[in-house]
N, C-alpha and C. Protein backbone atom coordinates (compact mmCIF):
# COMPACT_ATOMS: atom_id res chain seq x y z
N MET A 1 19.69 13.48 6.13
CA MET A 1 19.31 12.22 5.51
C MET A 1 20.54 11.66 4.79
N THR A 2 20.82 10.39 5.06
CA THR A 2 21.99 9.77 4.46
C THR A 2 21.70 9.36 3.02
N GLU A 3 22.77 9.02 2.32
CA GLU A 3 22.62 8.61 0.92
C GLU A 3 21.79 7.33 0.81
N ALA A 4 21.97 6.41 1.75
CA ALA A 4 21.20 5.15 1.74
C ALA A 4 19.72 5.43 1.94
N GLN A 5 19.39 6.36 2.84
CA GLN A 5 17.99 6.71 3.07
C GLN A 5 17.37 7.36 1.84
N ILE A 6 18.16 8.18 1.14
CA ILE A 6 17.68 8.82 -0.08
C ILE A 6 17.39 7.77 -1.14
N LYS A 7 18.28 6.80 -1.30
CA LYS A 7 18.07 5.73 -2.28
C LYS A 7 16.84 4.91 -1.93
N LEU A 8 16.64 4.66 -0.63
CA LEU A 8 15.47 3.90 -0.18
C LEU A 8 14.19 4.65 -0.52
N LYS A 9 14.16 5.95 -0.23
CA LYS A 9 12.98 6.78 -0.54
C LYS A 9 12.73 6.82 -2.04
N ARG A 10 13.79 6.89 -2.83
CA ARG A 10 13.65 6.92 -4.28
C ARG A 10 13.04 5.61 -4.78
N THR A 11 13.51 4.49 -4.23
CA THR A 11 12.96 3.18 -4.61
C THR A 11 11.49 3.09 -4.23
N GLU A 12 11.14 3.55 -3.03
CA GLU A 12 9.74 3.53 -2.59
C GLU A 12 8.87 4.38 -3.52
N SER A 13 9.40 5.53 -3.93
CA SER A 13 8.65 6.41 -4.82
C SER A 13 8.42 5.77 -6.18
N VAL A 14 9.46 5.14 -6.72
CA VAL A 14 9.34 4.47 -8.03
C VAL A 14 8.32 3.35 -7.94
N LEU A 15 8.39 2.56 -6.87
CA LEU A 15 7.45 1.45 -6.69
C LEU A 15 6.02 1.96 -6.52
N SER A 16 5.85 3.11 -5.86
CA SER A 16 4.51 3.69 -5.69
C SER A 16 3.87 4.04 -7.03
N GLU A 17 4.69 4.30 -8.03
CA GLU A 17 4.18 4.59 -9.36
C GLU A 17 4.02 3.32 -10.20
N LEU A 18 4.97 2.40 -10.06
CA LEU A 18 4.96 1.20 -10.90
C LEU A 18 3.88 0.19 -10.53
N ILE A 19 3.63 0.02 -9.23
CA ILE A 19 2.67 -1.00 -8.80
C ILE A 19 1.26 -0.70 -9.33
N PRO A 20 0.76 0.55 -9.24
CA PRO A 20 -0.56 0.81 -9.85
C PRO A 20 -0.58 0.57 -11.36
N GLN A 21 0.54 0.87 -12.04
CA GLN A 21 0.62 0.60 -13.47
C GLN A 21 0.53 -0.90 -13.74
N ALA A 22 1.24 -1.68 -12.92
CA ALA A 22 1.21 -3.13 -13.07
C ALA A 22 -0.19 -3.68 -12.81
N LEU A 23 -0.85 -3.14 -11.78
CA LEU A 23 -2.21 -3.58 -11.48
C LEU A 23 -3.16 -3.22 -12.62
N GLY A 24 -2.94 -2.07 -13.24
CA GLY A 24 -3.77 -1.65 -14.35
C GLY A 24 -3.57 -2.49 -15.60
N ALA A 25 -2.40 -3.12 -15.71
CA ALA A 25 -2.10 -3.95 -16.87
C ALA A 25 -2.59 -5.38 -16.71
N MET A 26 -3.10 -5.71 -15.53
CA MET A 26 -3.55 -7.08 -15.27
C MET A 26 -4.88 -7.34 -15.98
N ASN A 27 -5.15 -8.61 -16.25
CA ASN A 27 -6.40 -8.99 -16.91
C ASN A 27 -7.61 -8.91 -15.97
N ASP A 28 -7.37 -9.10 -14.67
CA ASP A 28 -8.46 -9.08 -13.70
C ASP A 28 -8.87 -7.63 -13.42
N LYS A 29 -10.06 -7.27 -13.84
CA LYS A 29 -10.54 -5.89 -13.72
C LYS A 29 -10.68 -5.43 -12.27
N ARG A 30 -10.88 -6.37 -11.36
CA ARG A 30 -11.05 -6.00 -9.94
C ARG A 30 -9.79 -5.33 -9.40
N LEU A 31 -8.63 -5.72 -9.90
CA LEU A 31 -7.37 -5.15 -9.42
C LEU A 31 -7.14 -3.74 -9.92
N HIS A 32 -7.85 -3.35 -10.97
CA HIS A 32 -7.69 -2.00 -11.51
C HIS A 32 -8.21 -0.94 -10.54
N ASP A 33 -9.15 -1.31 -9.67
CA ASP A 33 -9.79 -0.35 -8.78
C ASP A 33 -8.98 -0.06 -7.52
N LEU A 34 -7.94 -0.83 -7.25
CA LEU A 34 -7.18 -0.66 -6.01
C LEU A 34 -6.24 0.54 -6.10
N ASN A 35 -6.19 1.29 -5.01
CA ASN A 35 -5.31 2.46 -4.92
C ASN A 35 -4.17 2.18 -3.96
N VAL A 36 -2.95 2.35 -4.43
CA VAL A 36 -1.77 2.18 -3.59
C VAL A 36 -1.54 3.48 -2.84
N ILE A 37 -1.56 3.39 -1.52
CA ILE A 37 -1.36 4.59 -0.69
C ILE A 37 0.13 4.83 -0.46
N GLU A 38 0.84 3.75 -0.12
CA GLU A 38 2.24 3.92 0.26
C GLU A 38 2.97 2.60 0.07
N VAL A 39 4.27 2.71 -0.18
CA VAL A 39 5.14 1.54 -0.25
C VAL A 39 6.28 1.78 0.73
N LYS A 40 6.52 0.83 1.60
CA LYS A 40 7.60 0.92 2.58
C LYS A 40 8.56 -0.24 2.35
N CYS A 41 9.80 0.07 1.98
CA CYS A 41 10.82 -0.96 1.75
C CYS A 41 11.61 -1.20 3.03
N SER A 42 12.10 -2.44 3.15
CA SER A 42 12.99 -2.74 4.26
C SER A 42 14.34 -2.08 3.97
N ARG A 43 15.20 -2.04 4.95
CA ARG A 43 16.47 -1.33 4.81
C ARG A 43 17.30 -1.88 3.65
N GLY A 44 17.31 -3.19 3.48
CA GLY A 44 18.08 -3.80 2.40
C GLY A 44 17.34 -3.88 1.08
N LYS A 45 16.13 -3.39 1.04
CA LYS A 45 15.26 -3.38 -0.14
C LYS A 45 14.94 -4.80 -0.64
N SER A 46 14.98 -5.77 0.26
CA SER A 46 14.63 -7.13 -0.15
C SER A 46 13.13 -7.37 0.01
N ASP A 47 12.49 -6.62 0.87
CA ASP A 47 11.05 -6.74 1.10
C ASP A 47 10.41 -5.36 1.03
N ALA A 48 9.14 -5.34 0.64
CA ALA A 48 8.40 -4.08 0.60
C ALA A 48 6.96 -4.34 0.98
N LYS A 49 6.44 -3.51 1.87
CA LYS A 49 5.02 -3.57 2.22
C LYS A 49 4.29 -2.54 1.36
N VAL A 50 3.24 -3.03 0.72
CA VAL A 50 2.44 -2.17 -0.14
C VAL A 50 1.11 -1.94 0.56
N TYR A 51 0.82 -0.69 0.90
CA TYR A 51 -0.40 -0.36 1.61
C TYR A 51 -1.47 0.07 0.61
N ILE A 52 -2.61 -0.60 0.68
CA ILE A 52 -3.72 -0.38 -0.24
C ILE A 52 -4.82 0.38 0.50
N ASP A 53 -5.49 1.29 -0.21
CA ASP A 53 -6.61 2.04 0.35
C ASP A 53 -7.79 1.09 0.55
N PRO A 54 -8.30 0.96 1.79
CA PRO A 54 -9.39 0.01 2.05
C PRO A 54 -10.75 0.49 1.55
N VAL A 55 -10.88 1.74 1.16
CA VAL A 55 -12.13 2.35 0.71
C VAL A 55 -13.25 1.91 1.65
N GLU A 56 -14.23 1.22 1.15
CA GLU A 56 -15.34 0.73 1.97
C GLU A 56 -15.54 -0.77 1.74
N PHE A 57 -14.42 -1.49 1.66
CA PHE A 57 -14.51 -2.93 1.44
C PHE A 57 -14.92 -3.63 2.72
N SER A 58 -15.72 -4.68 2.58
CA SER A 58 -16.06 -5.51 3.73
C SER A 58 -14.85 -6.40 4.05
N GLU A 59 -14.89 -7.05 5.19
CA GLU A 59 -13.78 -7.93 5.58
C GLU A 59 -13.60 -9.06 4.58
N GLN A 60 -14.70 -9.59 4.06
CA GLN A 60 -14.63 -10.68 3.08
C GLN A 60 -13.99 -10.19 1.78
N GLU A 61 -14.37 -8.99 1.35
CA GLU A 61 -13.78 -8.42 0.13
C GLU A 61 -12.29 -8.18 0.31
N LYS A 62 -11.90 -7.71 1.49
CA LYS A 62 -10.48 -7.49 1.76
C LYS A 62 -9.70 -8.79 1.65
N ARG A 63 -10.25 -9.85 2.24
CA ARG A 63 -9.57 -11.16 2.16
C ARG A 63 -9.46 -11.62 0.72
N ASP A 64 -10.52 -11.42 -0.06
CA ASP A 64 -10.50 -11.82 -1.46
C ASP A 64 -9.46 -11.03 -2.25
N TYR A 65 -9.39 -9.73 -2.02
CA TYR A 65 -8.41 -8.90 -2.71
C TYR A 65 -6.99 -9.29 -2.32
N LEU A 66 -6.76 -9.56 -1.04
CA LEU A 66 -5.41 -9.95 -0.62
C LEU A 66 -5.01 -11.28 -1.25
N LYS A 67 -5.97 -12.18 -1.40
CA LYS A 67 -5.71 -13.47 -2.04
C LYS A 67 -5.34 -13.24 -3.51
N LEU A 68 -6.09 -12.37 -4.19
CA LEU A 68 -5.77 -12.04 -5.58
C LEU A 68 -4.38 -11.41 -5.70
N LEU A 69 -4.07 -10.51 -4.79
CA LEU A 69 -2.78 -9.83 -4.83
C LEU A 69 -1.62 -10.78 -4.57
N ARG A 70 -1.82 -11.76 -3.67
CA ARG A 70 -0.78 -12.75 -3.42
C ARG A 70 -0.51 -13.57 -4.67
N LYS A 71 -1.57 -13.89 -5.40
CA LYS A 71 -1.40 -14.66 -6.64
C LYS A 71 -0.73 -13.81 -7.73
N ALA A 72 -1.02 -12.50 -7.74
CA ALA A 72 -0.49 -11.62 -8.77
C ALA A 72 0.90 -11.09 -8.44
N ARG A 73 1.37 -11.33 -7.23
CA ARG A 73 2.65 -10.78 -6.77
C ARG A 73 3.81 -11.05 -7.73
N PRO A 74 4.03 -12.29 -8.19
CA PRO A 74 5.16 -12.52 -9.09
C PRO A 74 5.06 -11.72 -10.40
N ILE A 75 3.85 -11.55 -10.89
CA ILE A 75 3.65 -10.80 -12.13
C ILE A 75 3.98 -9.32 -11.91
N ILE A 76 3.56 -8.79 -10.77
CA ILE A 76 3.82 -7.39 -10.44
C ILE A 76 5.32 -7.17 -10.26
N GLU A 77 5.99 -8.10 -9.58
CA GLU A 77 7.44 -7.98 -9.38
C GLU A 77 8.18 -8.03 -10.71
N THR A 78 7.77 -8.92 -11.61
CA THR A 78 8.39 -9.02 -12.93
C THR A 78 8.19 -7.74 -13.72
N TYR A 79 6.99 -7.15 -13.61
CA TYR A 79 6.70 -5.89 -14.29
C TYR A 79 7.67 -4.80 -13.82
N CYS A 80 7.88 -4.71 -12.50
CA CYS A 80 8.79 -3.70 -11.94
C CYS A 80 10.24 -3.95 -12.38
N LEU A 81 10.63 -5.22 -12.39
CA LEU A 81 11.99 -5.57 -12.82
C LEU A 81 12.24 -5.14 -14.26
N LYS A 82 11.32 -5.49 -15.14
CA LYS A 82 11.49 -5.18 -16.56
C LYS A 82 11.46 -3.68 -16.81
N ASP A 83 10.56 -2.97 -16.13
CA ASP A 83 10.42 -1.53 -16.35
C ASP A 83 11.67 -0.77 -15.92
N GLN A 84 12.23 -1.14 -14.77
CA GLN A 84 13.37 -0.40 -14.23
C GLN A 84 14.73 -1.00 -14.63
N GLY A 85 14.72 -2.24 -15.12
CA GLY A 85 15.98 -2.89 -15.46
C GLY A 85 16.79 -3.28 -14.24
N TRP A 86 16.10 -3.51 -13.13
CA TRP A 86 16.77 -3.90 -11.90
C TRP A 86 17.24 -5.34 -11.98
N TYR A 87 18.23 -5.66 -11.13
CA TYR A 87 18.72 -7.03 -11.02
C TYR A 87 17.73 -7.88 -10.22
N ARG A 88 17.20 -7.29 -9.16
CA ARG A 88 16.16 -7.97 -8.38
C ARG A 88 15.18 -6.94 -7.84
N CYS A 89 14.01 -7.44 -7.51
CA CYS A 89 12.92 -6.59 -7.04
C CYS A 89 12.57 -7.00 -5.62
N PRO A 90 12.15 -6.06 -4.79
CA PRO A 90 11.70 -6.45 -3.45
C PRO A 90 10.53 -7.43 -3.52
N THR A 91 10.43 -8.27 -2.53
CA THR A 91 9.28 -9.18 -2.41
C THR A 91 8.15 -8.38 -1.77
N PHE A 92 7.03 -8.31 -2.46
CA PHE A 92 5.92 -7.49 -2.00
C PHE A 92 5.03 -8.23 -1.02
N THR A 93 4.58 -7.49 -0.02
CA THR A 93 3.56 -7.94 0.91
C THR A 93 2.46 -6.89 0.86
N PHE A 94 1.25 -7.33 0.59
CA PHE A 94 0.13 -6.39 0.45
C PHE A 94 -0.69 -6.35 1.72
N GLU A 95 -1.05 -5.13 2.14
CA GLU A 95 -1.89 -4.93 3.32
C GLU A 95 -2.84 -3.76 3.05
N PHE A 96 -3.98 -3.82 3.69
CA PHE A 96 -4.89 -2.67 3.64
C PHE A 96 -4.48 -1.70 4.73
N ASP A 97 -4.40 -0.43 4.39
CA ASP A 97 -3.95 0.60 5.33
C ASP A 97 -5.10 1.01 6.23
N GLU A 98 -5.00 0.67 7.49
CA GLU A 98 -6.05 0.99 8.46
C GLU A 98 -5.71 2.23 9.28
N HIS A 99 -4.58 2.87 8.99
CA HIS A 99 -4.16 4.03 9.77
C HIS A 99 -5.12 5.21 9.63
N LEU A 100 -5.64 5.41 8.43
CA LEU A 100 -6.57 6.51 8.21
C LEU A 100 -7.85 6.30 9.03
N LYS A 101 -8.34 5.06 9.04
CA LYS A 101 -9.54 4.75 9.82
C LYS A 101 -9.29 4.98 11.31
N GLN A 102 -8.12 4.58 11.79
CA GLN A 102 -7.78 4.77 13.20
C GLN A 102 -7.69 6.26 13.53
N ALA A 103 -7.12 7.04 12.62
CA ALA A 103 -7.00 8.48 12.85
C ALA A 103 -8.39 9.13 12.91
N GLN A 104 -9.30 8.67 12.04
CA GLN A 104 -10.65 9.21 12.06
C GLN A 104 -11.35 8.85 13.37
N ASN A 105 -11.14 7.64 13.86
CA ASN A 105 -11.74 7.23 15.13
C ASN A 105 -11.22 8.09 16.28
N ILE A 106 -9.95 8.40 16.27
CA ILE A 106 -9.35 9.23 17.32
C ILE A 106 -9.94 10.64 17.24
N ASP A 107 -10.08 11.17 16.02
CA ASP A 107 -10.67 12.50 15.86
C ASP A 107 -12.10 12.53 16.39
N GLU A 108 -12.87 11.46 16.12
CA GLU A 108 -14.24 11.40 16.62
C GLU A 108 -14.27 11.36 18.15
N LEU A 109 -13.33 10.64 18.75
CA LEU A 109 -13.25 10.60 20.21
C LEU A 109 -12.95 11.98 20.78
N PHE A 110 -12.03 12.70 20.15
CA PHE A 110 -11.71 14.04 20.62
C PHE A 110 -12.91 14.98 20.50
N LYS A 111 -13.68 14.84 19.44
CA LYS A 111 -14.89 15.65 19.28
C LYS A 111 -15.90 15.34 20.37
N LYS A 112 -16.07 14.06 20.69
CA LYS A 112 -16.99 13.67 21.77
C LYS A 112 -16.55 14.26 23.10
N ILE A 113 -15.26 14.18 23.35
CA ILE A 113 -14.72 14.74 24.60
C ILE A 113 -14.98 16.24 24.67
N ALA A 114 -14.76 16.95 23.54
CA ALA A 114 -14.98 18.38 23.51
C ALA A 114 -16.46 18.69 23.73
N GLN A 115 -17.37 17.89 23.16
CA GLN A 115 -18.80 18.10 23.36
C GLN A 115 -19.19 17.85 24.81
N ASP A 116 -18.64 16.80 25.41
CA ASP A 116 -18.95 16.47 26.79
C ASP A 116 -18.47 17.61 27.73
N LYS A 117 -17.34 18.18 27.46
CA LYS A 117 -16.84 19.27 28.28
C LYS A 117 -17.69 20.52 28.09
N GLY A 118 -18.21 20.70 26.87
CA GLY A 118 -19.05 21.86 26.58
C GLY A 118 -20.40 21.74 27.29
N GLU A 119 -20.89 20.52 27.49
CA GLU A 119 -22.18 20.30 28.15
C GLU A 119 -22.09 20.49 29.66
N GLU A 120 -20.92 20.28 30.22
CA GLU A 120 -20.77 20.37 31.70
C GLU A 120 -20.73 21.79 32.19
């Protein structure tokens, strides 16, 4: 792992801790319930994707939360800047992480296949 990759991972780790703190400091109580699963920064650290746990939100609730997060983005970025004393902060993009759901669907398919083979 190169030094640049280590710095990138360190930044992602710091942001993974700071973003939930920033969400917890917000006045809107709905944002307090969101769990940050992962933060992925671009190579130059100018952008960062923040993956949120979808829990059991409906599609409408997800859209509402993303709208709230887009509005709160500048406040969250300012919080991270002040806390770390950085010159600039990555621009955040919020997404719900659907990878876990996809992995569960794949596991269910494998179980069905195993059951079908067992019945034959």
